[in-house]
All heavy atoms as atom14 arrays in JSON, in Angstrom:
{
  "sequence": "AAPAQAQGGDGESEMPADSAPDVTARVVLGGVWAPD",
  "atom14_mask": [
    [1, 1, 1, 1, 1, 0, 0, 0, 0, 0, 0, 0, 0, 0],
    [1, 1, 1, 1, 1, 0, 0, 0, 0, 0, 0, 0, 0, 0],
    [1, 1, 1, 1, 1, 1, 1, 0, 0, 0, 0, 0, 0, 0],
    [1, 1, 1, 1, 1, 0, 0, 0, 0, 0, 0, 0, 0, 0],
    [1, 1, 1, 1, 1, 1, 1, 1, 1, 0, 0, 0, 0, 0],
    [1, 1, 1, 1, 1, 0, 0, 0, 0, 0, 0, 0, 0, 0],
    [1, 1, 1, 1, 1, 1, 1, 1, 1, 0, 0, 0, 0, 0],
    [1, 1, 1, 1, 0, 0, 0, 0, 0, 0, 0, 0, 0, 0],
    [1, 1, 1, 1, 0, 0, 0, 0, 0, 0, 0, 0, 0, 0],
    [1, 1, 1, 1, 1, 1, 1, 1, 0, 0, 0, 0, 0, 0],
    [1, 1, 1, 1, 0, 0, 0, 0, 0, 0, 0, 0, 0, 0],
    [1, 1, 1, 1, 1, 1, 1, 1, 1, 0, 0, 0, 0, 0],
    [1, 1, 1, 1, 1, 1, 0, 0, 0, 0, 0, 0, 0, 0],
    [1, 1, 1, 1, 1, 1, 1, 1, 1, 0, 0, 0, 0, 0],
    [1, 1, 1, 1, 1, 1, 1, 1, 0, 0, 0, 0, 0, 0],
    [1, 1, 1, 1, 1, 1, 1, 0, 0, 0, 0, 0, 0, 0],
    [1, 1, 1, 1, 1, 0, 0, 0, 0, 0, 0, 0, 0, 0],
    [1, 1, 1, 1, 1, 1, 1, 1, 0, 0, 0, 0, 0, 0],
    [1, 1, 1, 1, 1, 1, 0, 0, 0, 0, 0, 0, 0, 0],
    [1, 1, 1, 1, 1, 0, 0, 0, 0, 0, 0, 0, 0, 0],
    [1, 1, 1, 1, 1, 1, 1, 0, 0, 0, 0, 0, 0, 0],
    [1, 1, 1, 1, 1, 1, 1, 1, 0, 0, 0, 0, 0, 0],
    [1, 1, 1, 1, 1, 1, 1, 0, 0, 0, 0, 0, 0, 0],
    [1, 1, 1, 1, 1, 1, 1, 0, 0, 0, 0, 0, 0, 0],
    [1, 1, 1, 1, 1, 0, 0, 0, 0, 0, 0, 0, 0, 0],
    [1, 1, 1, 1, 1, 1, 1, 1, 1, 1, 1, 0, 0, 0],
    [1, 1, 1, 1, 1, 1, 1, 0, 0, 0, 0, 0, 0, 0],
    [1, 1, 1, 1, 1, 1, 1, 0, 0, 0, 0, 0, 0, 0],
    [1, 1, 1, 1, 1, 1, 1, 1, 0, 0, 0, 0, 0, 0],
    [1, 1, 1, 1, 0, 0, 0, 0, 0, 0, 0, 0, 0, 0],
    [1, 1, 1, 1, 0, 0, 0, 0, 0, 0, 0, 0, 0, 0],
    [1, 1, 1, 1, 1, 1, 1, 0, 0, 0, 0, 0, 0, 0],
    [1, 1, 1, 1, 1, 1, 1, 1, 1, 1, 1, 1, 1, 1],
    [1, 1, 1, 1, 1, 0, 0, 0, 0, 0, 0, 0, 0, 0],
    [1, 1, 1, 1, 1, 1, 1, 0, 0, 0, 0, 0, 0, 0],
    [1, 1, 1, 1, 1, 1, 1, 1, 0, 0, 0, 0, 0, 0]
  ],
  "atom14_positions": [
    [[-70.83, -17.69, 252.28], [-69.77, -18.76, 252.12], [-70.39, -20.05, 251.67], [-71.59, -20.18, 251.56], [-69.08, -18.97, 253.48], [0.0, 0.0, 0.0], [0.0, 0.0, 0.0], [0.0, 0.0, 0.0], [0.0, 0.0, 0.0], [0.0, 0.0, 0.0], [0.0, 0.0, 0.0], [0.0, 0.0, 0.0], [0.0, 0.0, 0.0], [0.0, 0.0, 0.0]],
    [[-69.48, -20.96, 251.35], [-69.94, -22.25, 250.75], [-70.81, -23.07, 251.68], [-70.69, -22.87, 252.94], [-68.71, -23.02, 250.37], [0.0, 0.0, 0.0], [0.0, 0.0, 0.0], [0.0, 0.0, 0.0], [0.0, 0.0, 0.0], [0.0, 0.0, 0.0], [0.0, 0.0, 0.0], [0.0, 0.0, 0.0], [0.0, 0.0, 0.0], [0.0, 0.0, 0.0]],
    [[-71.65, -23.97, 251.19], [-72.46, -24.76, 251.99], [-71.67, -25.7, 252.91], [-70.43, -25.89, 252.68], [-73.33, -25.6, 251.02], [-72.53, -25.54, 249.7], [-71.8, -24.23, 249.76], [0.0, 0.0, 0.0], [0.0, 0.0, 0.0], [0.0, 0.0, 0.0], [0.0, 0.0, 0.0], [0.0, 0.0, 0.0], [0.0, 0.0, 0.0], [0.0, 0.0, 0.0]],
    [[-72.33, -26.27, 253.93], [-71.65, -27.0, 254.97], [-70.84, -28.16, 254.41], [-69.74, -28.46, 254.89], [-72.66, -27.5, 255.98], [0.0, 0.0, 0.0], [0.0, 0.0, 0.0], [0.0, 0.0, 0.0], [0.0, 0.0, 0.0], [0.0, 0.0, 0.0], [0.0, 0.0, 0.0], [0.0, 0.0, 0.0], [0.0, 0.0, 0.0], [0.0, 0.0, 0.0]],
    [[-71.36, -28.88, 253.42], [-70.7, -30.06, 252.9], [-69.36, -29.67, 252.23], [-68.46, -30.45, 252.11], [-71.5, -30.89, 251.96], [-71.86, -30.19, 250.65], [-73.19, -29.44, 250.72], [-73.57, -28.96, 251.77], [-73.85, -29.2, 249.63], [0.0, 0.0, 0.0], [0.0, 0.0, 0.0], [0.0, 0.0, 0.0], [0.0, 0.0, 0.0], [0.0, 0.0, 0.0]],
    [[-69.28, -28.36, 251.78], [-68.05, -27.89, 251.19], [-66.93, -27.74, 252.25], [-65.76, -27.69, 251.96], [-68.22, -26.57, 250.54], [0.0, 0.0, 0.0], [0.0, 0.0, 0.0], [0.0, 0.0, 0.0], [0.0, 0.0, 0.0], [0.0, 0.0, 0.0], [0.0, 0.0, 0.0], [0.0, 0.0, 0.0], [0.0, 0.0, 0.0], [0.0, 0.0, 0.0]],
    [[-67.34, -27.78, 253.53], [-66.35, -27.53, 254.63], [-66.23, -28.79, 255.52], [-65.42, -28.86, 256.38], [-66.82, -26.39, 255.46], [-67.02, -25.16, 254.67], [-67.83, -24.14, 255.37], [-67.59, -23.81, 256.46], [-68.86, -23.67, 254.7], [0.0, 0.0, 0.0], [0.0, 0.0, 0.0], [0.0, 0.0, 0.0], [0.0, 0.0, 0.0], [0.0, 0.0, 0.0]],
    [[-66.98, -29.8, 255.16], [-66.89, -31.02, 255.98], [-65.59, -31.66, 256.03], [-65.2, -32.2, 256.99], [0.0, 0.0, 0.0], [0.0, 0.0, 0.0], [0.0, 0.0, 0.0], [0.0, 0.0, 0.0], [0.0, 0.0, 0.0], [0.0, 0.0, 0.0], [0.0, 0.0, 0.0], [0.0, 0.0, 0.0], [0.0, 0.0, 0.0], [0.0, 0.0, 0.0]],
    [[-64.94, -31.75, 254.86], [-63.64, -32.38, 254.87], [-62.53, -31.3, 254.78], [-61.94, -31.05, 253.84], [0.0, 0.0, 0.0], [0.0, 0.0, 0.0], [0.0, 0.0, 0.0], [0.0, 0.0, 0.0], [0.0, 0.0, 0.0], [0.0, 0.0, 0.0], [0.0, 0.0, 0.0], [0.0, 0.0, 0.0], [0.0, 0.0, 0.0], [0.0, 0.0, 0.0]],
    [[-62.38, -30.65, 255.97], [-61.44, -29.45, 255.93], [-60.01, -29.93, 256.25], [-59.41, -29.46, 257.15], [-61.93, -28.41, 256.93], [-62.01, -28.94, 258.37], [-61.98, -30.11, 258.55], [-62.04, -28.09, 259.28], [0.0, 0.0, 0.0], [0.0, 0.0, 0.0], [0.0, 0.0, 0.0], [0.0, 0.0, 0.0], [0.0, 0.0, 0.0], [0.0, 0.0, 0.0]],
    [[-59.48, -30.84, 255.41], [-58.1, -31.15, 255.52], [-57.28, -29.94, 255.3], [-57.37, -29.21, 254.39], [0.0, 0.0, 0.0], [0.0, 0.0, 0.0], [0.0, 0.0, 0.0], [0.0, 0.0, 0.0], [0.0, 0.0, 0.0], [0.0, 0.0, 0.0], [0.0, 0.0, 0.0], [0.0, 0.0, 0.0], [0.0, 0.0, 0.0], [0.0, 0.0, 0.0]],
    [[-56.35, -29.68, 256.25], [-55.58, -28.46, 256.23], [-54.07, -28.67, 256.05], [-53.51, -29.46, 256.78], [-55.82, -27.6, 257.5], [-57.28, -27.24, 257.73], [-57.54, -26.74, 259.09], [-56.57, -26.66, 259.89], [-58.66, -26.31, 259.39], [0.0, 0.0, 0.0], [0.0, 0.0, 0.0], [0.0, 0.0, 0.0], [0.0, 0.0, 0.0], [0.0, 0.0, 0.0]],
    [[-53.49, -28.09, 255.08], [-52.04, -28.03, 255.0], [-51.63, -26.64, 255.36], [-51.97, -25.68, 254.63], [-51.54, -28.46, 253.58], [-52.15, -27.62, 252.62], [0.0, 0.0, 0.0], [0.0, 0.0, 0.0], [0.0, 0.0, 0.0], [0.0, 0.0, 0.0], [0.0, 0.0, 0.0], [0.0, 0.0, 0.0], [0.0, 0.0, 0.0], [0.0, 0.0, 0.0]],
    [[-50.91, -26.5, 256.44], [-50.7, -25.18, 257.06], [-49.41, -24.58, 256.63], [-48.41, -25.23, 256.39], [-50.7, -25.3, 258.61], [-51.95, -25.94, 259.24], [-53.18, -25.12, 259.08], [-53.02, -23.98, 258.61], [-54.18, -25.55, 259.52], [0.0, 0.0, 0.0], [0.0, 0.0, 0.0], [0.0, 0.0, 0.0], [0.0, 0.0, 0.0], [0.0, 0.0, 0.0]],
    [[-49.37, -23.19, 256.58], [-48.11, -22.45, 256.41], [-47.29, -22.72, 257.64], [-47.76, -22.52, 258.79], [-48.4, -21.0, 256.26], [-47.19, -20.09, 256.37], [-46.06, -20.27, 255.03], [-46.82, -19.17, 253.83], [0.0, 0.0, 0.0], [0.0, 0.0, 0.0], [0.0, 0.0, 0.0], [0.0, 0.0, 0.0], [0.0, 0.0, 0.0], [0.0, 0.0, 0.0]],
    [[-45.99, -23.1, 257.58], [-45.16, -23.31, 258.7], [-45.12, -22.08, 259.63], [-44.92, -20.95, 259.06], [-43.84, -23.61, 258.15], [-44.14, -24.23, 256.83], [-45.28, -23.49, 256.34], [0.0, 0.0, 0.0], [0.0, 0.0, 0.0], [0.0, 0.0, 0.0], [0.0, 0.0, 0.0], [0.0, 0.0, 0.0], [0.0, 0.0, 0.0], [0.0, 0.0, 0.0]],
    [[-45.32, -22.17, 260.93], [-45.36, -21.04, 261.81], [-43.9, -20.66, 262.19], [-42.99, -21.4, 262.18], [-46.13, -21.41, 263.06], [0.0, 0.0, 0.0], [0.0, 0.0, 0.0], [0.0, 0.0, 0.0], [0.0, 0.0, 0.0], [0.0, 0.0, 0.0], [0.0, 0.0, 0.0], [0.0, 0.0, 0.0], [0.0, 0.0, 0.0], [0.0, 0.0, 0.0]],
    [[-43.78, -19.3, 262.44], [-42.53, -18.84, 262.99], [-42.34, -19.22, 264.42], [-43.34, -19.43, 265.13], [-42.49, -17.27, 262.84], [-42.44, -16.91, 261.36], [-41.86, -17.61, 260.6], [-42.98, -15.77, 261.1], [0.0, 0.0, 0.0], [0.0, 0.0, 0.0], [0.0, 0.0, 0.0], [0.0, 0.0, 0.0], [0.0, 0.0, 0.0], [0.0, 0.0, 0.0]],
    [[-41.06, -19.34, 264.83], [-40.87, -19.78, 266.21], [-41.09, -18.56, 267.17], [-41.43, -18.8, 268.34], [-39.44, -20.26, 266.38], [-38.52, -19.24, 265.95], [0.0, 0.0, 0.0], [0.0, 0.0, 0.0], [0.0, 0.0, 0.0], [0.0, 0.0, 0.0], [0.0, 0.0, 0.0], [0.0, 0.0, 0.0], [0.0, 0.0, 0.0], [0.0, 0.0, 0.0]],
    [[-40.95, -17.36, 266.78], [-41.17, -16.2, 267.62], [-42.65, -15.97, 267.82], [-43.46, -16.17, 266.87], [-40.54, -14.99, 267.02], [0.0, 0.0, 0.0], [0.0, 0.0, 0.0], [0.0, 0.0, 0.0], [0.0, 0.0, 0.0], [0.0, 0.0, 0.0], [0.0, 0.0, 0.0], [0.0, 0.0, 0.0], [0.0, 0.0, 0.0], [0.0, 0.0, 0.0]],
    [[-43.05, -15.57, 269.07], [-44.52, -15.33, 269.34], [-45.05, -14.1, 268.82], [-45.71, -13.34, 269.54], [-44.53, -15.45, 270.88], [-43.21, -14.85, 271.28], [-42.27, -15.34, 270.28], [0.0, 0.0, 0.0], [0.0, 0.0, 0.0], [0.0, 0.0, 0.0], [0.0, 0.0, 0.0], [0.0, 0.0, 0.0], [0.0, 0.0, 0.0], [0.0, 0.0, 0.0]],
    [[-44.77, -13.75, 267.55], [-45.33, -12.58, 266.97], [-46.72, -12.88, 266.35], [-47.03, -13.98, 266.04], [-44.41, -12.01, 265.85], [-43.01, -11.57, 266.39], [-42.99, -11.09, 267.53], [-42.05, -11.73, 265.68], [0.0, 0.0, 0.0], [0.0, 0.0, 0.0], [0.0, 0.0, 0.0], [0.0, 0.0, 0.0], [0.0, 0.0, 0.0], [0.0, 0.0, 0.0]],
    [[-47.46, -11.84, 266.11], [-48.73, -11.98, 265.43], [-48.5, -12.29, 263.91], [-47.82, -11.52, 263.24], [-49.65, -10.71, 265.58], [-50.9, -10.88, 264.8], [-49.93, -10.52, 267.04], [0.0, 0.0, 0.0], [0.0, 0.0, 0.0], [0.0, 0.0, 0.0], [0.0, 0.0, 0.0], [0.0, 0.0, 0.0], [0.0, 0.0, 0.0], [0.0, 0.0, 0.0]],
    [[-49.05, -13.35, 263.47], [-48.96, -13.65, 262.01], [-50.42, -13.87, 261.48], [-51.32, -14.22, 262.27], [-48.2, -14.96, 261.74], [-48.83, -16.03, 262.39], [-46.8, -14.79, 262.28], [0.0, 0.0, 0.0], [0.0, 0.0, 0.0], [0.0, 0.0, 0.0], [0.0, 0.0, 0.0], [0.0, 0.0, 0.0], [0.0, 0.0, 0.0], [0.0, 0.0, 0.0]],
    [[-50.59, -13.58, 260.24], [-51.94, -13.72, 259.63], [-51.83, -14.16, 258.19], [-50.89, -13.9, 257.5], [-52.7, -12.36, 259.69], [0.0, 0.0, 0.0], [0.0, 0.0, 0.0], [0.0, 0.0, 0.0], [0.0, 0.0, 0.0], [0.0, 0.0, 0.0], [0.0, 0.0, 0.0], [0.0, 0.0, 0.0], [0.0, 0.0, 0.0], [0.0, 0.0, 0.0]],
    [[-52.86, -14.93, 257.76], [-52.9, -15.48, 256.39], [-54.32, -15.39, 255.96], [-55.23, -15.74, 256.7], [-52.33, -16.88, 256.34], [-52.26, -17.47, 254.95], [-51.77, -18.91, 255.01], [-52.7, -19.83, 255.6], [-53.4, -20.68, 254.88], [-53.29, -20.8, 253.58], [-54.28, -21.49, 255.48], [0.0, 0.0, 0.0], [0.0, 0.0, 0.0], [0.0, 0.0, 0.0]],
    [[-54.57, -15.03, 254.67], [-55.87, -15.07, 254.14], [-55.84, -15.83, 252.81], [-54.82, -15.79, 252.05], [-56.48, -13.65, 253.85], [-56.64, -12.89, 255.16], [-55.55, -12.87, 252.96], [0.0, 0.0, 0.0], [0.0, 0.0, 0.0], [0.0, 0.0, 0.0], [0.0, 0.0, 0.0], [0.0, 0.0, 0.0], [0.0, 0.0, 0.0], [0.0, 0.0, 0.0]],
    [[-56.88, -16.53, 252.52], [-57.04, -17.3, 251.22], [-58.41, -16.89, 250.66], [-59.43, -16.96, 251.29], [-56.98, -18.75, 251.44], [-57.26, -19.54, 250.08], [-55.65, -19.24, 252.05], [0.0, 0.0, 0.0], [0.0, 0.0, 0.0], [0.0, 0.0, 0.0], [0.0, 0.0, 0.0], [0.0, 0.0, 0.0], [0.0, 0.0, 0.0], [0.0, 0.0, 0.0]],
    [[-58.41, -16.44, 249.41], [-59.6, -16.19, 248.74], [-59.72, -17.11, 247.53], [-58.8, -17.2, 246.72], [-59.63, -14.66, 248.16], [-59.55, -13.63, 249.3], [-59.52, -12.21, 248.68], [-60.75, -13.74, 250.24], [0.0, 0.0, 0.0], [0.0, 0.0, 0.0], [0.0, 0.0, 0.0], [0.0, 0.0, 0.0], [0.0, 0.0, 0.0], [0.0, 0.0, 0.0]],
    [[-60.91, -17.78, 247.42], [-61.05, -18.77, 246.39], [-62.48, -19.12, 246.23], [-63.41, -18.35, 246.55], [0.0, 0.0, 0.0], [0.0, 0.0, 0.0], [0.0, 0.0, 0.0], [0.0, 0.0, 0.0], [0.0, 0.0, 0.0], [0.0, 0.0, 0.0], [0.0, 0.0, 0.0], [0.0, 0.0, 0.0], [0.0, 0.0, 0.0], [0.0, 0.0, 0.0]],
    [[-62.7, -20.34, 245.71], [-64.01, -20.82, 245.44], [-64.12, -22.32, 245.56], [-63.08, -22.97, 245.55], [0.0, 0.0, 0.0], [0.0, 0.0, 0.0], [0.0, 0.0, 0.0], [0.0, 0.0, 0.0], [0.0, 0.0, 0.0], [0.0, 0.0, 0.0], [0.0, 0.0, 0.0], [0.0, 0.0, 0.0], [0.0, 0.0, 0.0], [0.0, 0.0, 0.0]],
    [[-65.32, -22.77, 245.69], [-65.58, -24.27, 245.72], [-66.62, -24.6, 244.68], [-67.57, -23.85, 244.43], [-66.01, -24.69, 247.13], [-64.95, -24.57, 248.19], [-67.33, -24.0, 247.52], [0.0, 0.0, 0.0], [0.0, 0.0, 0.0], [0.0, 0.0, 0.0], [0.0, 0.0, 0.0], [0.0, 0.0, 0.0], [0.0, 0.0, 0.0], [0.0, 0.0, 0.0]],
    [[-66.48, -25.78, 244.22], [-67.53, -26.46, 243.37], [-68.09, -27.56, 244.24], [-67.41, -28.51, 244.56], [-66.92, -26.94, 242.12], [-67.82, -27.61, 241.13], [-68.74, -26.95, 240.31], [-67.96, -29.02, 240.83], [-69.39, -27.87, 239.52], [-68.91, -29.13, 239.78], [-67.28, -30.14, 241.28], [-69.31, -30.37, 239.32], [-67.67, -31.38, 240.78], [-68.68, -31.48, 239.79]],
    [[-69.35, -27.4, 244.67], [-69.91, -28.26, 245.65], [-71.38, -28.52, 245.39], [-72.08, -27.78, 244.68], [-69.74, -27.64, 247.07], [0.0, 0.0, 0.0], [0.0, 0.0, 0.0], [0.0, 0.0, 0.0], [0.0, 0.0, 0.0], [0.0, 0.0, 0.0], [0.0, 0.0, 0.0], [0.0, 0.0, 0.0], [0.0, 0.0, 0.0], [0.0, 0.0, 0.0]],
    [[-71.95, -29.64, 245.94], [-73.36, -29.91, 245.83], [-74.16, -28.73, 246.31], [-73.77, -28.07, 247.3], [-73.64, -31.12, 246.64], [-72.26, -31.76, 246.67], [-71.27, -30.69, 246.67], [0.0, 0.0, 0.0], [0.0, 0.0, 0.0], [0.0, 0.0, 0.0], [0.0, 0.0, 0.0], [0.0, 0.0, 0.0], [0.0, 0.0, 0.0], [0.0, 0.0, 0.0]],
    [[-75.36, -28.43, 245.72], [-76.13, -27.24, 246.19], [-76.92, -27.52, 247.44], [-77.46, -26.57, 247.99], [-77.0, -26.76, 245.11], [-78.05, -27.72, 244.59], [-78.06, -28.81, 245.05], [-78.88, -27.37, 243.69], [0.0, 0.0, 0.0], [0.0, 0.0, 0.0], [0.0, 0.0, 0.0], [0.0, 0.0, 0.0], [0.0, 0.0, 0.0], [0.0, 0.0, 0.0]]
  ]
}
C-alpha cells in the first residue's frame, strides 16, 4: 500500500449508511501520487 504520508490526510466522504442494522460493505480500488 501507499506510504504513510499518502494516508496522513485521510479526509473521508462516506457512503450514507442504511438505517437497518444489516451488514454493508464497500471497497475502493485506486492509486495515489505521493512523495517516495
